[in-house]
Amino acid sequence: MAALHDTRIRAFSVVIDAPLDRYGLQSALGMLTSFRAENLLRFKAIVNLQDEPQPVVLHGVQHVLYPEVKLDAWPDDDRRSRFVFIVRDLEPEFVAKLLADFSGAASHHAGAHP
């Protein structure tokens, strides 16, 4: 029997070069989980927050944002914030713009990658 896949589901990544404002990022993720929870199947991220020397790991499923976890150190020399999203009927460009606009990184590179 052939596996059935929902063609409306996609995975993509968003990378933001500049350190993120914690409260702006919380607002962006709060908007996604509040207003687009049915479309946000899952996300994971390692983020570089302004005024935070350690990387922070974020994880969410639909309307649930799990508590952040601080890592002891960055896994490599790349200090960019990296998000991976699994969504249904949600455009990567919309998510990337929301994160950039609310996190204060709109003037820096923020892009969605399939």
PDB file of N, CA and C in Angstrom:
ATOM      1  N   MET A   1       0.844  -1.172   0.000  1.00  0.00           N
ATOM      2  CA  MET A   1       0.000   0.000   0.000  1.00  0.00           C
ATOM      3  C   MET A   1       0.894   1.241   0.000  1.00  0.00           C
ATOM      4  N   ALA A   2       0.578   2.176  -0.841  1.00  0.00           N
ATOM      5  CA  ALA A   2       1.369   3.400  -0.947  1.00  0.00           C
ATOM      6  C   ALA A   2       1.084   4.321   0.232  1.00  0.00           C
ATOM      7  N   ALA A   3       2.123   5.000   0.666  1.00  0.00           N
ATOM      8  CA  ALA A   3       1.963   5.950   1.766  1.00  0.00           C
ATOM      9  C   ALA A   3       1.233   7.195   1.263  1.00  0.00           C
ATOM     10  N   LEU A   4       0.325   7.686   2.052  1.00  0.00           N
ATOM     11  CA  LEU A   4      -0.404   8.896   1.696  1.00  0.00           C
ATOM     12  C   LEU A   4       0.216  10.076   2.424  1.00  0.00           C
ATOM     13  N   HIS A   5       0.509  11.128   1.679  1.00  0.00           N
ATOM     14  CA  HIS A   5       1.108  12.332   2.261  1.00  0.00           C
ATOM     15  C   HIS A   5       0.210  13.515   1.973  1.00  0.00           C
ATOM     16  N   ASP A   6       0.049  14.373   2.932  1.00  0.00           N
ATOM     17  CA  ASP A   6      -0.717  15.591   2.776  1.00  0.00           C
ATOM     18  C   ASP A   6       0.192  16.611   2.098  1.00  0.00           C
ATOM     19  N   THR A   7      -0.134  16.978   0.869  1.00  0.00           N
ATOM     20  CA  THR A   7       0.721  17.905   0.114  1.00  0.00           C
ATOM     21  C   THR A   7       0.690  19.318   0.676  1.00  0.00           C
ATOM     22  N   ARG A   8      -0.189  19.587   1.632  1.00  0.00           N
ATOM     23  CA  ARG A   8      -0.251  20.912   2.251  1.00  0.00           C
ATOM     24  C   ARG A   8       0.762  21.055   3.374  1.00  0.00           C
ATOM     25  N   ILE A   9       1.421  19.963   3.750  1.00  0.00           N
ATOM     26  CA  ILE A   9       2.410  19.991   4.828  1.00  0.00           C
ATOM     27  C   ILE A   9       3.799  20.200   4.232  1.00  0.00           C
ATOM     28  N   ARG A  10       4.561  21.101   4.845  1.00  0.00           N
ATOM     29  CA  ARG A  10       5.923  21.354   4.372  1.00  0.00           C
ATOM     30  C   ARG A  10       6.830  21.669   5.546  1.00  0.00           C
ATOM     31  N   ALA A  11       8.108  21.465   5.322  1.00  0.00           N
ATOM     32  CA  ALA A  11       9.134  21.822   6.307  1.00  0.00           C
ATOM     33  C   ALA A  11      10.042  22.864   5.661  1.00  0.00           C
ATOM     34  N   PHE A  12      10.480  23.818   6.467  1.00  0.00           N
ATOM     35  CA  PHE A  12      11.395  24.832   5.973  1.00  0.00           C
ATOM     36  C   PHE A  12      12.174  25.398   7.147  1.00  0.00           C
ATOM     37  N   SER A  13      13.261  26.087   6.822  1.00  0.00           N
ATOM     38  CA  SER A  13      14.074  26.716   7.868  1.00  0.00           C
ATOM     39  C   SER A  13      14.104  28.220   7.664  1.00  0.00           C
ATOM     40  N   VAL A  14      14.328  28.915   8.765  1.00  0.00           N
ATOM     41  CA  VAL A  14      14.508  30.366   8.747  1.00  0.00           C
ATOM     42  C   VAL A  14      15.800  30.636   9.505  1.00  0.00           C
ATOM     43  N   VAL A  15      16.670  31.436   8.910  1.00  0.00           N
ATOM     44  CA  VAL A  15      17.947  31.796   9.520  1.00  0.00           C
ATOM     45  C   VAL A  15      17.998  33.311   9.649  1.00  0.00           C
ATOM     46  N   ILE A  16      18.337  33.780  10.843  1.00  0.00           N
ATOM     47  CA  ILE A  16      18.438  35.222  11.081  1.00  0.00           C
ATOM     48  C   ILE A  16      19.842  35.509  11.608  1.00  0.00           C
ATOM     49  N   ASP A  17      20.524  36.411  10.937  1.00  0.00           N
ATOM     50  CA  ASP A  17      21.921  36.698  11.246  1.00  0.00           C
ATOM     51  C   ASP A  17      22.120  37.448  12.559  1.00  0.00           C
ATOM     52  N   ALA A  18      21.323  38.475  12.812  1.00  0.00           N
ATOM     53  CA  ALA A  18      21.528  39.361  13.962  1.00  0.00           C
ATOM     54  C   ALA A  18      20.946  38.757  15.238  1.00  0.00           C
ATOM     55  N   PRO A  19      21.543  39.054  16.394  1.00  0.00           N
ATOM     56  CA  PRO A  19      20.937  38.619  17.662  1.00  0.00           C
ATOM     57  C   PRO A  19      19.513  39.158  17.783  1.00  0.00           C
ATOM     58  N   LEU A  20      18.649  38.365  18.378  1.00  0.00           N
ATOM     59  CA  LEU A  20      17.220  38.677  18.443  1.00  0.00           C
ATOM     60  C   LEU A  20      16.827  39.301  19.772  1.00  0.00           C
ATOM     61  N   ASP A  21      15.855  40.183  19.705  1.00  0.00           N
ATOM     62  CA  ASP A  21      15.258  40.747  20.905  1.00  0.00           C
ATOM     63  C   ASP A  21      14.343  39.683  21.520  1.00  0.00           C
ATOM     64  N   ARG A  22      14.574  39.338  22.768  1.00  0.00           N
ATOM     65  CA  ARG A  22      13.819  38.277  23.441  1.00  0.00           C
ATOM     66  C   ARG A  22      12.308  38.520  23.400  1.00  0.00           C
ATOM     67  N   TYR A  23      11.888  39.746  23.732  1.00  0.00           N
ATOM     68  CA  TYR A  23      10.459  40.025  23.846  1.00  0.00           C
ATOM     69  C   TYR A  23       9.786  40.115  22.477  1.00  0.00           C
ATOM     70  N   GLY A  24      10.521  40.618  21.496  1.00  0.00           N
ATOM     71  CA  GLY A  24      10.003  40.622  20.133  1.00  0.00           C
ATOM     72  C   GLY A  24       9.811  39.212  19.607  1.00  0.00           C
ATOM     73  N   LEU A  25      10.794  38.359  19.873  1.00  0.00           N
ATOM     74  CA  LEU A  25      10.700  36.966  19.447  1.00  0.00           C
ATOM     75  C   LEU A  25       9.538  36.265  20.152  1.00  0.00           C
ATOM     76  N   GLN A  26       9.399  36.500  21.449  1.00  0.00           N
ATOM     77  CA  GLN A  26       8.277  35.913  22.183  1.00  0.00           C
ATOM     78  C   GLN A  26       6.945  36.379  21.600  1.00  0.00           C
ATOM     79  N   SER A  27       6.866  37.646  21.208  1.00  0.00           N
ATOM     80  CA  SER A  27       5.636  38.169  20.601  1.00  0.00           C
ATOM     81  C   SER A  27       5.344  37.482  19.273  1.00  0.00           C
ATOM     82  N   ALA A  28       6.371  37.325  18.442  1.00  0.00           N
ATOM     83  CA  ALA A  28       6.181  36.673  17.139  1.00  0.00           C
ATOM     84  C   ALA A  28       5.718  35.230  17.313  1.00  0.00           C
ATOM     85  N   LEU A  29       6.400  34.494  18.183  1.00  0.00           N
ATOM     86  CA  LEU A  29       6.015  33.094  18.397  1.00  0.00           C
ATOM     87  C   LEU A  29       4.650  33.004  19.072  1.00  0.00           C
ATOM     88  N   GLY A  30       4.352  33.950  19.953  1.00  0.00           N
ATOM     89  CA  GLY A  30       3.036  33.988  20.575  1.00  0.00           C
ATOM     90  C   GLY A  30       1.938  34.212  19.557  1.00  0.00           C
ATOM     91  N   MET A  31       2.190  35.085  18.583  1.00  0.00           N
ATOM     92  CA  MET A  31       1.204  35.308  17.523  1.00  0.00           C
ATOM     93  C   MET A  31       0.994  34.048  16.703  1.00  0.00           C
ATOM     94  N   LEU A  32       2.089  33.381  16.343  1.00  0.00           N
ATOM     95  CA  LEU A  32       1.962  32.142  15.570  1.00  0.00           C
ATOM     96  C   LEU A  32       1.165  31.091  16.328  1.00  0.00           C
ATOM     97  N   THR A  33       1.483  30.914  17.600  1.00  0.00           N
ATOM     98  CA  THR A  33       0.810  29.861  18.370  1.00  0.00           C
ATOM     99  C   THR A  33      -0.615  30.242  18.743  1.00  0.00           C
ATOM    100  N   SER A  34      -0.919  31.522  18.792  1.00  0.00           N
ATOM    101  CA  SER A  34      -2.276  31.951  19.128  1.00  0.00           C
ATOM    102  C   SER A  34      -3.200  31.978  17.912  1.00  0.00           C
ATOM    103  N   PHE A  35      -2.698  32.528  16.808  1.00  0.00           N
ATOM    104  CA  PHE A  35      -3.567  32.762  15.660  1.00  0.00           C
ATOM    105  C   PHE A  35      -3.397  31.765  14.520  1.00  0.00           C
ATOM    106  N   ARG A  36      -2.301  31.014  14.511  1.00  0.00           N
ATOM    107  CA  ARG A  36      -2.069  30.047  13.432  1.00  0.00           C
ATOM    108  C   ARG A  36      -1.703  28.672  13.985  1.00  0.00           C
ATOM    109  N   ALA A  37      -2.169  28.366  15.195  1.00  0.00           N
ATOM    110  CA  ALA A  37      -1.808  27.104  15.855  1.00  0.00           C
ATOM    111  C   ALA A  37      -2.168  25.883  15.013  1.00  0.00           C
ATOM    112  N   GLU A  38      -3.300  25.935  14.336  1.00  0.00           N
ATOM    113  CA  GLU A  38      -3.709  24.777  13.528  1.00  0.00           C
ATOM    114  C   GLU A  38      -2.780  24.560  12.347  1.00  0.00           C
ATOM    115  N   ASN A  39      -2.050  25.614  11.949  1.00  0.00           N
ATOM    116  CA  ASN A  39      -1.114  25.515  10.832  1.00  0.00           C
ATOM    117  C   ASN A  39       0.311  25.211  11.278  1.00  0.00           C
ATOM    118  N   LEU A  40       0.629  25.525  12.533  1.00  0.00           N
ATOM    119  CA  LEU A  40       1.966  25.339  13.066  1.00  0.00           C
ATOM    120  C   LEU A  40       2.037  23.961  13.723  1.00  0.00           C
ATOM    121  N   LEU A  41       2.513  22.985  12.973  1.00  0.00           N
ATOM    122  CA  LEU A  41       2.554  21.629  13.502  1.00  0.00           C
ATOM    123  C   LEU A  41       3.676  21.458  14.509  1.00  0.00           C
ATOM    124  N   ARG A  42       4.845  22.047  14.214  1.00  0.00           N
ATOM    125  CA  ARG A  42       5.984  21.929  15.131  1.00  0.00           C
ATOM    126  C   ARG A  42       7.071  22.893  14.679  1.00  0.00           C
ATOM    127  N   PHE A  43       7.851  23.379  15.659  1.00  0.00           N
ATOM    128  CA  PHE A  43       9.069  24.104  15.315  1.00  0.00           C
ATOM    129  C   PHE A  43      10.111  23.831  16.390  1.00  0.00           C
ATOM    130  N   LYS A  44      11.355  23.936  15.976  1.00  0.00           N
ATOM    131  CA  LYS A  44      12.502  23.862  16.886  1.00  0.00           C
ATOM    132  C   LYS A  44      13.464  24.952  16.451  1.00  0.00           C
ATOM    133  N   ALA A  45      14.215  25.481  17.416  1.00  0.00           N
ATOM    134  CA  ALA A  45      15.142  26.560  17.077  1.00  0.00           C
ATOM    135  C   ALA A  45      16.287  26.610  18.074  1.00  0.00           C
ATOM    136  N   ILE A  46      17.416  27.074  17.584  1.00  0.00           N
ATOM    137  CA  ILE A  46      18.523  27.482  18.445  1.00  0.00           C
ATOM    138  C   ILE A  46      18.717  28.952  18.124  1.00  0.00           C
ATOM    139  N   VAL A  47      18.608  29.798  19.161  1.00  0.00           N
ATOM    140  CA  VAL A  47      18.591  31.232  18.898  1.00  0.00           C
ATOM    141  C   VAL A  47      19.671  31.979  19.674  1.00  0.00           C
ATOM    142  N   ASN A  48      20.091  33.075  19.072  1.00  0.00           N
ATOM    143  CA  ASN A  48      21.047  33.993  19.657  1.00  0.00           C
ATOM    144  C   ASN A  48      20.246  35.209  20.113  1.00  0.00           C
ATOM    145  N   LEU A  49      20.056  35.341  21.413  1.00  0.00           N
ATOM    146  CA  LEU A  49      19.299  36.450  21.969  1.00  0.00           C
ATOM    147  C   LEU A  49      20.235  37.583  22.375  1.00  0.00           C
ATOM    148  N   GLN A  50      19.792  38.816  22.156  1.00  0.00           N
ATOM    149  CA  GLN A  50      20.564  39.977  22.585  1.00  0.00           C
ATOM    150  C   GLN A  50      20.819  39.885  24.088  1.00  0.00           C
ATOM    151  N   ASP A  51      22.005  40.227  24.505  1.00  0.00           N
ATOM    152  CA  ASP A  51      22.387  40.250  25.933  1.00  0.00           C
ATOM    153  C   ASP A  51      22.348  38.874  26.594  1.00  0.00           C
ATOM    154  N   GLU A  52      22.439  37.810  25.799  1.00  0.00           N
ATOM    155  CA  GLU A  52      22.445  36.449  26.340  1.00  0.00           C
ATOM    156  C   GLU A  52      23.646  35.724  25.727  1.00  0.00           C
ATOM    157  N   PRO A  53      24.682  35.424  26.513  1.00  0.00           N
ATOM    158  CA  PRO A  53      25.884  34.812  25.940  1.00  0.00           C
ATOM    159  C   PRO A  53      25.689  33.362  25.497  1.00  0.00           C
ATOM    160  N   GLN A  54      24.731  32.678  26.087  1.00  0.00           N
ATOM    161  CA  GLN A  54      24.511  31.271  25.767  1.00  0.00           C
ATOM    162  C   GLN A  54      23.401  31.123  24.727  1.00  0.00           C
ATOM    163  N   PRO A  55      23.479  30.077  23.902  1.00  0.00           N
ATOM    164  CA  PRO A  55      22.387  29.821  22.966  1.00  0.00           C
ATOM    165  C   PRO A  55      21.156  29.309  23.718  1.00  0.00           C
ATOM    166  N   VAL A  56      20.007  29.603  23.157  1.00  0.00           N
ATOM    167  CA  VAL A  56      18.745  29.175  23.744  1.00  0.00           C
ATOM    168  C   VAL A  56      18.024  28.273  22.741  1.00  0.00           C
ATOM    169  N   VAL A  57      17.523  27.155  23.222  1.00  0.00           N
ATOM    170  CA  VAL A  57      16.777  26.225  22.384  1.00  0.00           C
ATOM    171  C   VAL A  57      15.286  26.416  22.657  1.00  0.00           C
ATOM    172  N   LEU A  58      14.529  26.540  21.573  1.00  0.00           N
ATOM    173  CA  LEU A  58      13.081  26.715  21.659  1.00  0.00           C
ATOM    174  C   LEU A  58      12.389  25.565  20.945  1.00  0.00           C
ATOM    175  N   HIS A  59      11.172  25.258  21.404  1.00  0.00           N
ATOM    176  CA  HIS A  59      10.422  24.157  20.828  1.00  0.00           C
ATOM    177  C   HIS A  59       8.943  24.444  21.029  1.00  0.00           C
ATOM    178  N   GLY A  60       8.158  24.223  19.995  1.00  0.00           N
ATOM    179  CA  GLY A  60       6.723  24.428  20.108  1.00  0.00           C
ATOM    180  C   GLY A  60       5.960  23.470  19.222  1.00  0.00           C
ATOM    181  N   VAL A  61       4.754  23.153  19.664  1.00  0.00           N
ATOM    182  CA  VAL A  61       3.844  22.298  18.905  1.00  0.00           C
ATOM    183  C   VAL A  61       2.471  22.958  18.949  1.00  0.00           C
ATOM    184  N   GLN A  62       1.969  23.339  17.782  1.00  0.00           N
ATOM    185  CA  GLN A  62       0.696  24.028  17.636  1.00  0.00           C
ATOM    186  C   GLN A  62       0.578  25.186  18.622  1.00  0.00           C
ATOM    187  N   HIS A  63      -0.306  25.130  19.592  1.00  0.00           N
ATOM    188  CA  HIS A  63      -0.508  26.264  20.505  1.00  0.00           C
ATOM    189  C   HIS A  63       0.386  26.221  21.748  1.00  0.00           C
ATOM    190  N   VAL A  64       1.262  25.234  21.843  1.00  0.00           N
ATOM    191  CA  VAL A  64       2.097  25.068  23.033  1.00  0.00           C
ATOM    192  C   VAL A  64       3.535  25.514  22.749  1.00  0.00           C
ATOM    193  N   LEU A  65       4.008  26.465  23.546  1.00  0.00           N
ATOM    194  CA  LEU A  65       5.427  26.840  23.534  1.00  0.00           C
ATOM    195  C   LEU A  65       6.051  26.246  24.788  1.00  0.00           C
ATOM    196  N   TYR A  66       7.016  25.382  24.610  1.00  0.00           N
ATOM    197  CA  TYR A  66       7.666  24.752  25.754  1.00  0.00           C
ATOM    198  C   TYR A  66       8.690  25.707  26.363  1.00  0.00           C
ATOM    199  N   PRO A  67       9.035  25.517  27.636  1.00  0.00           N
ATOM    200  CA  PRO A  67      10.026  26.405  28.260  1.00  0.00           C
ATOM    201  C   PRO A  67      11.359  26.356  27.508  1.00  0.00           C
ATOM    202  N   GLU A  68      12.002  27.504  27.424  1.00  0.00           N
ATOM    203  CA  GLU A  68      13.297  27.568  26.746  1.00  0.00           C
ATOM    204  C   GLU A  68      14.349  26.823  27.556  1.00  0.00           C
ATOM    205  N   VAL A  69      15.358  26.355  26.842  1.00  0.00           N
ATOM    206  CA  VAL A  69      16.470  25.645  27.465  1.00  0.00           C
ATOM    207  C   VAL A  69      17.758  26.358  27.047  1.00  0.00           C
ATOM    208  N   LYS A  70      18.567  26.747  28.017  1.00  0.00           N
ATOM    209  CA  LYS A  70      19.868  27.359  27.719  1.00  0.00           C
ATOM    210  C   LYS A  70      20.910  26.260  27.603  1.00  0.00           C
ATOM    211  N   LEU A  71      21.691  26.328  26.542  1.00  0.00           N
ATOM    212  CA  LEU A  71      22.804  25.405  26.371  1.00  0.00           C
ATOM    213  C   LEU A  71      24.039  25.999  27.035  1.00  0.00           C
ATOM    214  N   ASP A  72      24.971  25.153  27.409  1.00  0.00           N
ATOM    215  CA  ASP A  72      26.218  25.623  28.020  1.00  0.00           C
ATOM    216  C   ASP A  72      27.080  26.398  27.032  1.00  0.00           C
ATOM    217  N   ALA A  73      27.011  25.991  25.758  1.00  0.00           N
ATOM    218  CA  ALA A  73      27.846  26.624  24.738  1.00  0.00           C
ATOM    219  C   ALA A  73      27.219  26.394  23.366  1.00  0.00           C
ATOM    220  N   TRP A  74      27.657  27.188  22.404  1.00  0.00           N
ATOM    221  CA  TRP A  74      27.220  26.992  21.029  1.00  0.00           C
ATOM    222  C   TRP A  74      27.847  25.707  20.488  1.00  0.00           C
ATOM    223  N   PRO A  75      27.143  24.960  19.662  1.00  0.00           N
ATOM    224  CA  PRO A  75      27.694  23.706  19.126  1.00  0.00           C
ATOM    225  C   PRO A  75      28.825  23.921  18.118  1.00  0.00           C
ATOM    226  N   ASP A  76      28.894  25.134  17.525  1.00  0.00           N
ATOM    227  CA  ASP A  76      29.951  25.451  16.562  1.00  0.00           C
ATOM    228  C   ASP A  76      30.122  26.969  16.529  1.00  0.00           C
ATOM    229  N   ASP A  77      30.831  27.471  15.535  1.00  0.00           N
ATOM    230  CA  ASP A  77      31.107  28.908  15.462  1.00  0.00           C
ATOM    231  C   ASP A  77      29.954  29.723  14.875  1.00  0.00           C
ATOM    232  N   ASP A  78      28.926  29.065  14.366  1.00  0.00           N
ATOM    233  CA  ASP A  78      27.777  29.739  13.762  1.00  0.00           C
ATOM    234  C   ASP A  78      26.864  30.277  14.861  1.00  0.00           C
ATOM    235  N   ARG A  79      26.754  31.588  14.953  1.00  0.00           N
ATOM    236  CA  ARG A  79      25.944  32.218  16.003  1.00  0.00           C
ATOM    237  C   ARG A  79      24.607  32.738  15.483  1.00  0.00           C
ATOM    238  N   ARG A  80      24.263  32.366  14.256  1.00  0.00           N
ATOM    239  CA  ARG A  80      22.977  32.792  13.712  1.00  0.00           C
ATOM    240  C   ARG A  80      21.845  32.025  14.395  1.00  0.00           C
ATOM    241  N   SER A  81      20.683  32.647  14.455  1.00  0.00           N
ATOM    242  CA  SER A  81      19.490  31.959  14.965  1.00  0.00           C
ATOM    243  C   SER A  81      18.940  31.105  13.839  1.00  0.00           C
ATOM    244  N   ARG A  82      18.629  29.845  14.173  1.00  0.00           N
ATOM    245  CA  ARG A  82      18.166  28.894  13.165  1.00  0.00           C
ATOM    246  C   ARG A  82      16.879  28.234  13.644  1.00  0.00           C
ATOM    247  N   PHE A  83      15.856  28.326  12.824  1.00  0.00           N
ATOM    248  CA  PHE A  83      14.545  27.759  13.113  1.00  0.00           C
ATOM    249  C   PHE A  83      14.219  26.706  12.061  1.00  0.00           C
ATOM    250  N   VAL A  84      13.552  25.638  12.478  1.00  0.00           N
ATOM    251  CA  VAL A  84      13.004  24.655  11.553  1.00  0.00           C
ATOM    252  C   VAL A  84      11.524  24.533  11.881  1.00  0.00           C
ATOM    253  N   PHE A  85      10.696  24.717  10.858  1.00  0.00           N
ATOM    254  CA  PHE A  85       9.250  24.661  11.016  1.00  0.00           C
ATOM    255  C   PHE A  85       8.675  23.520  10.208  1.00  0.00           C
ATOM    256  N   ILE A  86       7.666  22.871  10.754  1.00  0.00           N
ATOM    257  CA  ILE A  86       6.815  21.937  10.018  1.00  0.00           C
ATOM    258  C   ILE A  86       5.417  22.531  10.108  1.00  0.00           C
ATOM    259  N   VAL A  87       4.831  22.829   8.960  1.00  0.00           N
ATOM    260  CA  VAL A  87       3.574  23.559   8.922  1.00  0.00           C
ATOM    261  C   VAL A  87       2.599  22.929   7.932  1.00  0.00           C
ATOM    262  N   ARG A  88       1.351  23.342   8.062  1.00  0.00           N
ATOM    263  CA  ARG A  88       0.322  22.986   7.084  1.00  0.00           C
ATOM    264  C   ARG A  88      -0.326  24.286   6.627  1.00  0.00           C
ATOM    265  N   ASP A  89      -0.308  24.518   5.334  1.00  0.00           N
ATOM    266  CA  ASP A  89      -0.945  25.706   4.748  1.00  0.00           C
ATOM    267  C   ASP A  89      -0.437  27.005   5.369  1.00  0.00           C
ATOM    268  N   LEU A  90       0.862  27.106   5.544  1.00  0.00           N
ATOM    269  CA  LEU A  90       1.465  28.322   6.089  1.00  0.00           C
ATOM    270  C   LEU A  90       2.705  28.629   5.247  1.00  0.00           C
ATOM    271  N   GLU A  91       2.755  29.829   4.696  1.00  0.00           N
ATOM    272  CA  GLU A  91       3.830  30.198   3.791  1.00  0.00           C
ATOM    273  C   GLU A  91       5.123  30.529   4.538  1.00  0.00           C
ATOM    274  N   PRO A  92       6.244  29.991   4.098  1.00  0.00           N
ATOM    275  CA  PRO A  92       7.531  30.285   4.733  1.00  0.00           C
ATOM    276  C   PRO A  92       7.847  31.778   4.781  1.00  0.00           C
ATOM    277  N   GLU A  93       7.499  32.513   3.732  1.00  0.00           N
ATOM    278  CA  GLU A  93       7.786  33.946   3.690  1.00  0.00           C
ATOM    279  C   GLU A  93       7.030  34.696   4.791  1.00  0.00           C
ATOM    280  N   PHE A  94       5.813  34.284   5.061  1.00  0.00           N
ATOM    281  CA  PHE A  94       5.014  34.903   6.127  1.00  0.00           C
ATOM    282  C   PHE A  94       5.701  34.704   7.479  1.00  0.00           C
ATOM    283  N   VAL A  95       6.148  33.481   7.741  1.00  0.00           N
ATOM    284  CA  VAL A  95       6.795  33.169   9.018  1.00  0.00           C
ATOM    285  C   VAL A  95       8.108  33.924   9.149  1.00  0.00           C
ATOM    286  N   ALA A  96       8.920  33.949   8.102  1.00  0.00           N
ATOM    287  CA  ALA A  96      10.208  34.646   8.135  1.00  0.00           C
ATOM    288  C   ALA A  96      10.011  36.139   8.379  1.00  0.00           C
ATOM    289  N   LYS A  97       9.023  36.742   7.718  1.00  0.00           N
ATOM    290  CA  LYS A  97       8.759  38.174   7.895  1.00  0.00           C
ATOM    291  C   LYS A  97       8.253  38.457   9.303  1.00  0.00           C
ATOM    292  N   LEU A  98       7.394  37.617   9.826  1.00  0.00           N
ATOM    293  CA  LEU A  98       6.884  37.796  11.186  1.00  0.00           C
ATOM    294  C   LEU A  98       8.027  37.765  12.198  1.00  0.00           C
ATOM    295  N   LEU A  99       8.898  36.771  12.064  1.00  0.00           N
ATOM    296  CA  LEU A  99      10.043  36.674  12.986  1.00  0.00           C
ATOM    297  C   LEU A  99      10.950  37.893  12.867  1.00  0.00           C
ATOM    298  N   ALA A 100      11.254  38.296  11.640  1.00  0.00           N
ATOM    299  CA  ALA A 100      12.150  39.435  11.423  1.00  0.00           C
ATOM    300  C   ALA A 100      11.538  40.728  11.940  1.00  0.00           C
ATOM    301  N   ASP A 101      10.279  40.955  11.638  1.00  0.00           N
ATOM    302  CA  ASP A 101       9.624  42.206  12.043  1.00  0.00           C
ATOM    303  C   ASP A 101       9.534  42.337  13.558  1.00  0.00           C
ATOM    304  N   PHE A 102       9.170  41.276  14.228  1.00  0.00           N
ATOM    305  CA  PHE A 102       8.965  41.351  15.666  1.00  0.00           C
ATOM    306  C   PHE A 102      10.250  41.220  16.467  1.00  0.00           C
ATOM    307  N   SER A 103      11.258  40.590  15.896  1.00  0.00           N
ATOM    308  CA  SER A 103      12.484  40.354  16.663  1.00  0.00           C
ATOM    309  C   SER A 103      13.516  41.453  16.491  1.00  0.00           C
ATOM    310  N   GLY A 104      13.214  42.463  15.710  1.00  0.00           N
ATOM    311  CA  GLY A 104      14.143  43.561  15.529  1.00  0.00           C
ATOM    312  C   GLY A 104      15.211  43.272  14.493  1.00  0.00           C
ATOM    313  N   ALA A 105      15.049  42.226  13.727  1.00  0.00           N
ATOM    314  CA  ALA A 105      16.057  41.864  12.736  1.00  0.00           C
ATOM    315  C   ALA A 105      15.609  42.216  11.322  1.00  0.00           C
ATOM    316  N   ALA A 106      14.568  43.018  11.189  1.00  0.00           N
ATOM    317  CA  ALA A 106      14.020  43.310   9.871  1.00  0.00           C
ATOM    318  C   ALA A 106      15.029  43.987   8.953  1.00  0.00           C
ATOM    319  N   SER A 107      15.954  44.741   9.519  1.00  0.00           N
ATOM    320  CA  SER A 107      16.946  45.412   8.694  1.00  0.00           C
ATOM    321  C   SER A 107      18.128  44.504   8.358  1.00  0.00           C
ATOM    322  N   HIS A 108      18.133  43.308   8.928  1.00  0.00           N
ATOM    323  CA  HIS A 108      19.202  42.343   8.662  1.00  0.00           C
ATOM    324  C   HIS A 108      18.638  41.206   7.818  1.00  0.00           C
ATOM    325  N   HIS A 109      19.485  40.287   7.425  1.00  0.00           N
ATOM    326  CA  HIS A 109      19.063  39.161   6.608  1.00  0.00           C
ATOM    327  C   HIS A 109      18.181  38.205   7.411  1.00  0.00           C
ATOM    328  N   ALA A 110      17.009  37.947   6.890  1.00  0.00           N
ATOM    329  CA  ALA A 110      16.135  36.909   7.431  1.00  0.00           C
ATOM    330  C   ALA A 110      15.518  36.234   6.230  1.00  0.00           C
ATOM    331  N   GLY A 111      15.755  34.951   6.087  1.00  0.00           N
ATOM    332  CA  GLY A 111      15.226  34.276   4.919  1.00  0.00           C
ATOM    333  C   GLY A 111      14.696  32.906   5.246  1.00  0.00           C
ATOM    334  N   ALA A 112      13.745  32.480   4.426  1.00  0.00           N
ATOM    335  CA  ALA A 112      13.177  31.145   4.563  1.00  0.00           C
ATOM    336  C   ALA A 112      13.819  30.249   3.517  1.00  0.00           C
ATOM    337  N   HIS A 113      14.146  29.044   3.916  1.00  0.00           N
ATOM    338  CA  HIS A 113      14.790  28.090   3.025  1.00  0.00           C
ATOM    339  C   HIS A 113      14.016  26.796   3.052  1.00  0.00           C
ATOM    340  N   PRO A 114      13.667  26.273   1.852  1.00  0.00           N
ATOM    341  CA  PRO A 114      12.925  25.005   1.829  1.00  0.00           C
ATOM    342  C   PRO A 114      13.777  23.853   2.300  1.00  0.00           C
TER     343      PRO A 114
END
